[in-house]
Amino acid sequence: LMLSNRPEFVEASLGTLALGAQVVPLN
């Protein structure tokens, strides 16, 4: 995720975790 603070960051992060996948957030 190369996103600023926004709803899409939250939904994509939690959607990723819901799949048992790993979130890689980047500055």
PDB file of all heavy atoms in Angstrom:
ATOM      1  N   LEU A   1       0.856  -1.194   0.000  1.00  0.00           N
ATOM      2  CA  LEU A   1       0.000   0.000   0.000  1.00  0.00           C
ATOM      3  C   LEU A   1       0.885   1.235   0.000  1.00  0.00           C
ATOM      4  O   LEU A   1       1.612   1.494   0.959  1.00  0.00           O
ATOM      5  CB  LEU A   1      -0.892   0.025   1.243  1.00  0.00           C
ATOM      6  CG  LEU A   1      -1.800  -1.183   1.475  1.00  0.00           C
ATOM      7  CD1 LEU A   1      -2.629  -0.973   2.738  1.00  0.00           C
ATOM      8  CD2 LEU A   1      -2.695  -1.434   0.277  1.00  0.00           C
ATOM      9  N   MET A   2       0.843   1.999  -1.084  1.00  0.00           N
ATOM     10  CA  MET A   2       1.539   3.279  -1.122  1.00  0.00           C
ATOM     11  C   MET A   2       0.464   4.361  -1.156  1.00  0.00           C
ATOM     12  O   MET A   2       0.230   5.032  -2.161  1.00  0.00           O
ATOM     13  CB  MET A   2       2.476   3.377  -2.314  1.00  0.00           C
ATOM     14  CG  MET A   2       3.567   4.423  -2.093  1.00  0.00           C
ATOM     15  SD  MET A   2       4.962   4.228  -3.182  1.00  0.00           S
ATOM     16  CE  MET A   2       6.016   5.546  -2.548  1.00  0.00           C
ATOM     17  N   LEU A   3      -0.201   4.498  -0.005  1.00  0.00           N
ATOM     18  CA  LEU A   3      -1.352   5.380   0.134  1.00  0.00           C
ATOM     19  C   LEU A   3      -1.175   6.280   1.349  1.00  0.00           C
ATOM     20  O   LEU A   3      -0.591   5.885   2.349  1.00  0.00           O
ATOM     21  CB  LEU A   3      -2.641   4.565   0.315  1.00  0.00           C
ATOM     22  CG  LEU A   3      -2.996   3.534  -0.765  1.00  0.00           C
ATOM     23  CD1 LEU A   3      -4.213   2.746  -0.333  1.00  0.00           C
ATOM     24  CD2 LEU A   3      -3.248   4.229  -2.097  1.00  0.00           C
ATOM     25  N   SER A   4      -1.735   7.482   1.256  1.00  0.00           N
ATOM     26  CA  SER A   4      -1.776   8.376   2.404  1.00  0.00           C
ATOM     27  C   SER A   4      -2.914   7.949   3.334  1.00  0.00           C
ATOM     28  O   SER A   4      -3.620   6.975   3.048  1.00  0.00           O
ATOM     29  CB  SER A   4      -1.975   9.819   1.929  1.00  0.00           C
ATOM     30  OG  SER A   4      -3.139   9.907   1.115  1.00  0.00           O
ATOM     31  N   ASN A   5      -3.082   8.655   4.434  1.00  0.00           N
ATOM     32  CA  ASN A   5      -4.187   8.344   5.354  1.00  0.00           C
ATOM     33  C   ASN A   5      -5.517   8.645   4.671  1.00  0.00           C
ATOM     34  O   ASN A   5      -5.840   9.806   4.401  1.00  0.00           O
ATOM     35  CB  ASN A   5      -4.067   9.181   6.632  1.00  0.00           C
ATOM     36  CG  ASN A   5      -2.942   8.717   7.528  1.00  0.00           C
ATOM     37  OD1 ASN A   5      -2.108   7.920   7.119  1.00  0.00           O
ATOM     38  ND2 ASN A   5      -2.906   9.220   8.749  1.00  0.00           N
ATOM     39  N   ARG A   6      -6.289   7.623   4.414  1.00  0.00           N
ATOM     40  CA  ARG A   6      -7.578   7.748   3.732  1.00  0.00           C
ATOM     41  C   ARG A   6      -8.358   6.457   3.947  1.00  0.00           C
ATOM     42  O   ARG A   6      -7.765   5.423   4.302  1.00  0.00           O
ATOM     43  CB  ARG A   6      -7.381   8.036   2.235  1.00  0.00           C
ATOM     44  CG  ARG A   6      -6.516   7.021   1.517  1.00  0.00           C
ATOM     45  CD  ARG A   6      -6.151   7.456   0.096  1.00  0.00           C
ATOM     46  NE  ARG A   6      -7.329   7.553  -0.743  1.00  0.00           N
ATOM     47  CZ  ARG A   6      -7.324   8.116  -1.950  1.00  0.00           C
ATOM     48  NH1 ARG A   6      -6.207   8.645  -2.451  1.00  0.00           N
ATOM     49  NH2 ARG A   6      -8.429   8.182  -2.663  1.00  0.00           N
ATOM     50  N   PRO A   7      -9.666   6.461   3.737  1.00  0.00           N
ATOM     51  CA  PRO A   7     -10.455   5.242   3.968  1.00  0.00           C
ATOM     52  C   PRO A   7      -9.967   4.039   3.176  1.00  0.00           C
ATOM     53  O   PRO A   7     -10.032   2.897   3.655  1.00  0.00           O
ATOM     54  CB  PRO A   7     -11.874   5.665   3.552  1.00  0.00           C
ATOM     55  CG  PRO A   7     -11.910   7.136   3.821  1.00  0.00           C
ATOM     56  CD  PRO A   7     -10.537   7.633   3.451  1.00  0.00           C
ATOM     57  N   GLU A   8      -9.469   4.274   1.964  1.00  0.00           N
ATOM     58  CA  GLU A   8      -9.005   3.155   1.139  1.00  0.00           C
ATOM     59  C   GLU A   8      -7.828   2.428   1.782  1.00  0.00           C
ATOM     60  O   GLU A   8      -7.666   1.223   1.582  1.00  0.00           O
ATOM     61  CB  GLU A   8      -8.618   3.650  -0.262  1.00  0.00           C
ATOM     62  CG  GLU A   8      -9.778   4.084  -1.126  1.00  0.00           C
ATOM     63  CD  GLU A   8     -10.205   5.525  -0.879  1.00  0.00           C
ATOM     64  OE1 GLU A   8      -9.639   6.188   0.034  1.00  0.00           O
ATOM     65  OE2 GLU A   8     -11.098   6.004  -1.599  1.00  0.00           O
ATOM     66  N   PHE A   9      -6.996   3.152   2.527  1.00  0.00           N
ATOM     67  CA  PHE A   9      -5.896   2.497   3.239  1.00  0.00           C
ATOM     68  C   PHE A   9      -6.448   1.514   4.259  1.00  0.00           C
ATOM     69  O   PHE A   9      -5.976   0.374   4.371  1.00  0.00           O
ATOM     70  CB  PHE A   9      -5.019   3.546   3.933  1.00  0.00           C
ATOM     71  CG  PHE A   9      -3.774   2.976   4.570  1.00  0.00           C
ATOM     72  CD1 PHE A   9      -2.536   3.143   3.976  1.00  0.00           C
ATOM     73  CD2 PHE A   9      -3.840   2.255   5.763  1.00  0.00           C
ATOM     74  CE1 PHE A   9      -1.379   2.599   4.556  1.00  0.00           C
ATOM     75  CE2 PHE A   9      -2.705   1.724   6.347  1.00  0.00           C
ATOM     76  CZ  PHE A   9      -1.472   1.895   5.745  1.00  0.00           C
ATOM     77  N   VAL A  10      -7.452   1.957   4.999  1.00  0.00           N
ATOM     78  CA  VAL A  10      -8.034   1.116   6.048  1.00  0.00           C
ATOM     79  C   VAL A  10      -8.723  -0.103   5.450  1.00  0.00           C
ATOM     80  O   VAL A  10      -8.490  -1.243   5.866  1.00  0.00           O
ATOM     81  CB  VAL A  10      -9.025   1.932   6.906  1.00  0.00           C
ATOM     82  CG1 VAL A  10      -9.688   1.042   7.959  1.00  0.00           C
ATOM     83  CG2 VAL A  10      -8.310   3.100   7.579  1.00  0.00           C
ATOM     84  N   GLU A  11      -9.562   0.117   4.436  1.00  0.00           N
ATOM     85  CA  GLU A  11     -10.327  -1.003   3.882  1.00  0.00           C
ATOM     86  C   GLU A  11      -9.418  -2.009   3.168  1.00  0.00           C
ATOM     87  O   GLU A  11      -9.633  -3.222   3.262  1.00  0.00           O
ATOM     88  CB  GLU A  11     -11.410  -0.496   2.939  1.00  0.00           C
ATOM     89  CG  GLU A  11     -10.903   0.160   1.677  1.00  0.00           C
ATOM     90  CD  GLU A  11     -11.938   0.995   0.955  1.00  0.00           C
ATOM     91  OE1 GLU A  11     -12.834   1.539   1.604  1.00  0.00           O
ATOM     92  OE2 GLU A  11     -11.816   1.113  -0.286  1.00  0.00           O
ATOM     93  N   ALA A  12      -8.387  -1.507   2.476  1.00  0.00           N
ATOM     94  CA  ALA A  12      -7.468  -2.417   1.788  1.00  0.00           C
ATOM     95  C   ALA A  12      -6.624  -3.202   2.787  1.00  0.00           C
ATOM     96  O   ALA A  12      -6.364  -4.398   2.594  1.00  0.00           O
ATOM     97  CB  ALA A  12      -6.580  -1.644   0.823  1.00  0.00           C
ATOM     98  N   SER A  13      -6.181  -2.534   3.859  1.00  0.00           N
ATOM     99  CA  SER A  13      -5.401  -3.222   4.893  1.00  0.00           C
ATOM    100  C   SER A  13      -6.214  -4.348   5.525  1.00  0.00           C
ATOM    101  O   SER A  13      -5.754  -5.492   5.642  1.00  0.00           O
ATOM    102  CB  SER A  13      -4.968  -2.240   5.982  1.00  0.00           C
ATOM    103  OG  SER A  13      -4.065  -1.283   5.492  1.00  0.00           O
ATOM    104  N   LEU A  14      -7.428  -4.017   5.940  1.00  0.00           N
ATOM    105  CA  LEU A  14      -8.260  -5.005   6.624  1.00  0.00           C
ATOM    106  C   LEU A  14      -8.760  -6.082   5.663  1.00  0.00           C
ATOM    107  O   LEU A  14      -8.927  -7.237   6.049  1.00  0.00           O
ATOM    108  CB  LEU A  14      -9.415  -4.304   7.327  1.00  0.00           C
ATOM    109  CG  LEU A  14      -8.978  -3.342   8.445  1.00  0.00           C
ATOM    110  CD1 LEU A  14     -10.164  -2.575   9.003  1.00  0.00           C
ATOM    111  CD2 LEU A  14      -8.261  -4.100   9.559  1.00  0.00           C
ATOM    112  N   GLY A  15      -8.988  -5.708   4.407  1.00  0.00           N
ATOM    113  CA  GLY A  15      -9.350  -6.705   3.398  1.00  0.00           C
ATOM    114  C   GLY A  15      -8.217  -7.693   3.165  1.00  0.00           C
ATOM    115  O   GLY A  15      -8.441  -8.893   2.999  1.00  0.00           O
ATOM    116  N   THR A  16      -6.989  -7.183   3.174  1.00  0.00           N
ATOM    117  CA  THR A  16      -5.808  -8.038   3.037  1.00  0.00           C
ATOM    118  C   THR A  16      -5.707  -9.007   4.209  1.00  0.00           C
ATOM    119  O   THR A  16      -5.518 -10.221   4.026  1.00  0.00           O
ATOM    120  CB  THR A  16      -4.530  -7.177   2.970  1.00  0.00           C
ATOM    121  OG1 THR A  16      -4.598  -6.315   1.822  1.00  0.00           O
ATOM    122  CG2 THR A  16      -3.292  -8.053   2.872  1.00  0.00           C
ATOM    123  N   LEU A  17      -5.853  -8.489   5.414  1.00  0.00           N
ATOM    124  CA  LEU A  17      -5.760  -9.329   6.610  1.00  0.00           C
ATOM    125  C   LEU A  17      -6.885 -10.357   6.657  1.00  0.00           C
ATOM    126  O   LEU A  17      -6.701 -11.469   7.162  1.00  0.00           O
ATOM    127  CB  LEU A  17      -5.783  -8.462   7.864  1.00  0.00           C
ATOM    128  CG  LEU A  17      -4.618  -7.477   8.024  1.00  0.00           C
ATOM    129  CD1 LEU A  17      -4.775  -6.667   9.293  1.00  0.00           C
ATOM    130  CD2 LEU A  17      -3.284  -8.214   8.017  1.00  0.00           C
ATOM    131  N   ALA A  18      -8.052  -9.983   6.136  1.00  0.00           N
ATOM    132  CA  ALA A  18      -9.178 -10.922   6.113  1.00  0.00           C
ATOM    133  C   ALA A  18      -8.885 -12.150   5.255  1.00  0.00           C
ATOM    134  O   ALA A  18      -9.459 -13.218   5.477  1.00  0.00           O
ATOM    135  CB  ALA A  18     -10.430 -10.205   5.607  1.00  0.00           C
ATOM    136  N   LEU A  19      -7.986 -12.003   4.276  1.00  0.00           N
ATOM    137  CA  LEU A  19      -7.618 -13.122   3.406  1.00  0.00           C
ATOM    138  C   LEU A  19      -6.500 -13.974   3.996  1.00  0.00           C
ATOM    139  O   LEU A  19      -6.115 -14.987   3.397  1.00  0.00           O
ATOM    140  CB  LEU A  19      -7.164 -12.584   2.042  1.00  0.00           C
ATOM    141  CG  LEU A  19      -8.213 -11.911   1.177  1.00  0.00           C
ATOM    142  CD1 LEU A  19      -7.566 -11.340  -0.086  1.00  0.00           C
ATOM    143  CD2 LEU A  19      -9.333 -12.872   0.805  1.00  0.00           C
ATOM    144  N   GLY A  20      -5.954 -13.543   5.146  1.00  0.00           N
ATOM    145  CA  GLY A  20      -4.789 -14.231   5.677  1.00  0.00           C
ATOM    146  C   GLY A  20      -3.523 -13.814   4.958  1.00  0.00           C
ATOM    147  O   GLY A  20      -2.478 -14.469   5.068  1.00  0.00           O
ATOM    148  N   ALA A  21      -3.606 -12.702   4.215  1.00  0.00           N
ATOM    149  CA  ALA A  21      -2.450 -12.171   3.491  1.00  0.00           C
ATOM    150  C   ALA A  21      -1.747 -11.120   4.352  1.00  0.00           C
ATOM    151  O   ALA A  21      -2.182 -10.803   5.457  1.00  0.00           O
ATOM    152  CB  ALA A  21      -2.891 -11.574   2.155  1.00  0.00           C
ATOM    153  N   GLN A  22      -0.651 -10.577   3.828  1.00  0.00           N
ATOM    154  CA  GLN A  22       0.191  -9.658   4.592  1.00  0.00           C
ATOM    155  C   GLN A  22       0.157  -8.250   3.994  1.00  0.00           C
ATOM    156  O   GLN A  22       0.271  -8.092   2.779  1.00  0.00           O
ATOM    157  CB  GLN A  22       1.627 -10.169   4.621  1.00  0.00           C
ATOM    158  CG  GLN A  22       1.768 -11.560   5.233  1.00  0.00           C
ATOM    159  CD  GLN A  22       3.125 -12.166   5.003  1.00  0.00           C
ATOM    160  OE1 GLN A  22       4.113 -11.468   4.754  1.00  0.00           O
ATOM    161  NE2 GLN A  22       3.202 -13.492   5.097  1.00  0.00           N
ATOM    162  N   VAL A  23       0.014  -7.255   4.869  1.00  0.00           N
ATOM    163  CA  VAL A  23       0.035  -5.858   4.457  1.00  0.00           C
ATOM    164  C   VAL A  23       1.473  -5.360   4.468  1.00  0.00           C
ATOM    165  O   VAL A  23       2.211  -5.579   5.438  1.00  0.00           O
ATOM    166  CB  VAL A  23      -0.819  -4.984   5.400  1.00  0.00           C
ATOM    167  CG1 VAL A  23      -0.823  -3.530   4.929  1.00  0.00           C
ATOM    168  CG2 VAL A  23      -2.242  -5.518   5.496  1.00  0.00           C
ATOM    169  N   VAL A  24       1.861  -4.671   3.379  1.00  0.00           N
ATOM    170  CA  VAL A  24       3.191  -4.053   3.297  1.00  0.00           C
ATOM    171  C   VAL A  24       2.978  -2.555   3.068  1.00  0.00           C
ATOM    172  O   VAL A  24       2.886  -2.095   1.938  1.00  0.00           O
ATOM    173  CB  VAL A  24       4.038  -4.658   2.160  1.00  0.00           C
ATOM    174  CG1 VAL A  24       5.476  -4.123   2.217  1.00  0.00           C
ATOM    175  CG2 VAL A  24       4.030  -6.185   2.222  1.00  0.00           C
ATOM    176  N   PRO A  25       2.869  -1.767   4.139  1.00  0.00           N
ATOM    177  CA  PRO A  25       2.618  -0.329   3.980  1.00  0.00           C
ATOM    178  C   PRO A  25       3.915   0.425   3.711  1.00  0.00           C
ATOM    179  O   PRO A  25       4.934   0.182   4.357  1.00  0.00           O
ATOM    180  CB  PRO A  25       2.025   0.067   5.341  1.00  0.00           C
ATOM    181  CG  PRO A  25       2.613  -0.898   6.312  1.00  0.00           C
ATOM    182  CD  PRO A  25       2.901  -2.171   5.560  1.00  0.00           C
ATOM    183  N   LEU A  26       3.866   1.343   2.736  1.00  0.00           N
ATOM    184  CA  LEU A  26       5.055   2.117   2.387  1.00  0.00           C
ATOM    185  C   LEU A  26       4.829   3.606   2.597  1.00  0.00           C
ATOM    186  O   LEU A  26       3.736   4.123   2.340  1.00  0.00           O
ATOM    187  CB  LEU A  26       5.450   1.883   0.924  1.00  0.00           C
ATOM    188  CG  LEU A  26       5.845   0.468   0.509  1.00  0.00           C
ATOM    189  CD1 LEU A  26       6.396   0.474  -0.905  1.00  0.00           C
ATOM    190  CD2 LEU A  26       6.851  -0.136   1.465  1.00  0.00           C
ATOM    191  N   ASN A  27       5.873   4.279   3.028  1.00  0.00           N
ATOM    192  CA  ASN A  27       5.858   5.733   3.154  1.00  0.00           C
ATOM    193  C   ASN A  27       5.679   6.345   1.762  1.00  0.00           C
ATOM    194  O   ASN A  27       6.409   5.994   0.822  1.00  0.00           O
ATOM    195  CB  ASN A  27       7.189   6.186   3.772  1.00  0.00           C
ATOM    196  CG  ASN A  27       7.204   7.653   4.134  1.00  0.00           C
ATOM    197  OD1 ASN A  27       6.608   8.485   3.458  1.00  0.00           O
ATOM    198  ND2 ASN A  27       7.913   7.986   5.201  1.00  0.00           N
TER     199      ASN A  27
END
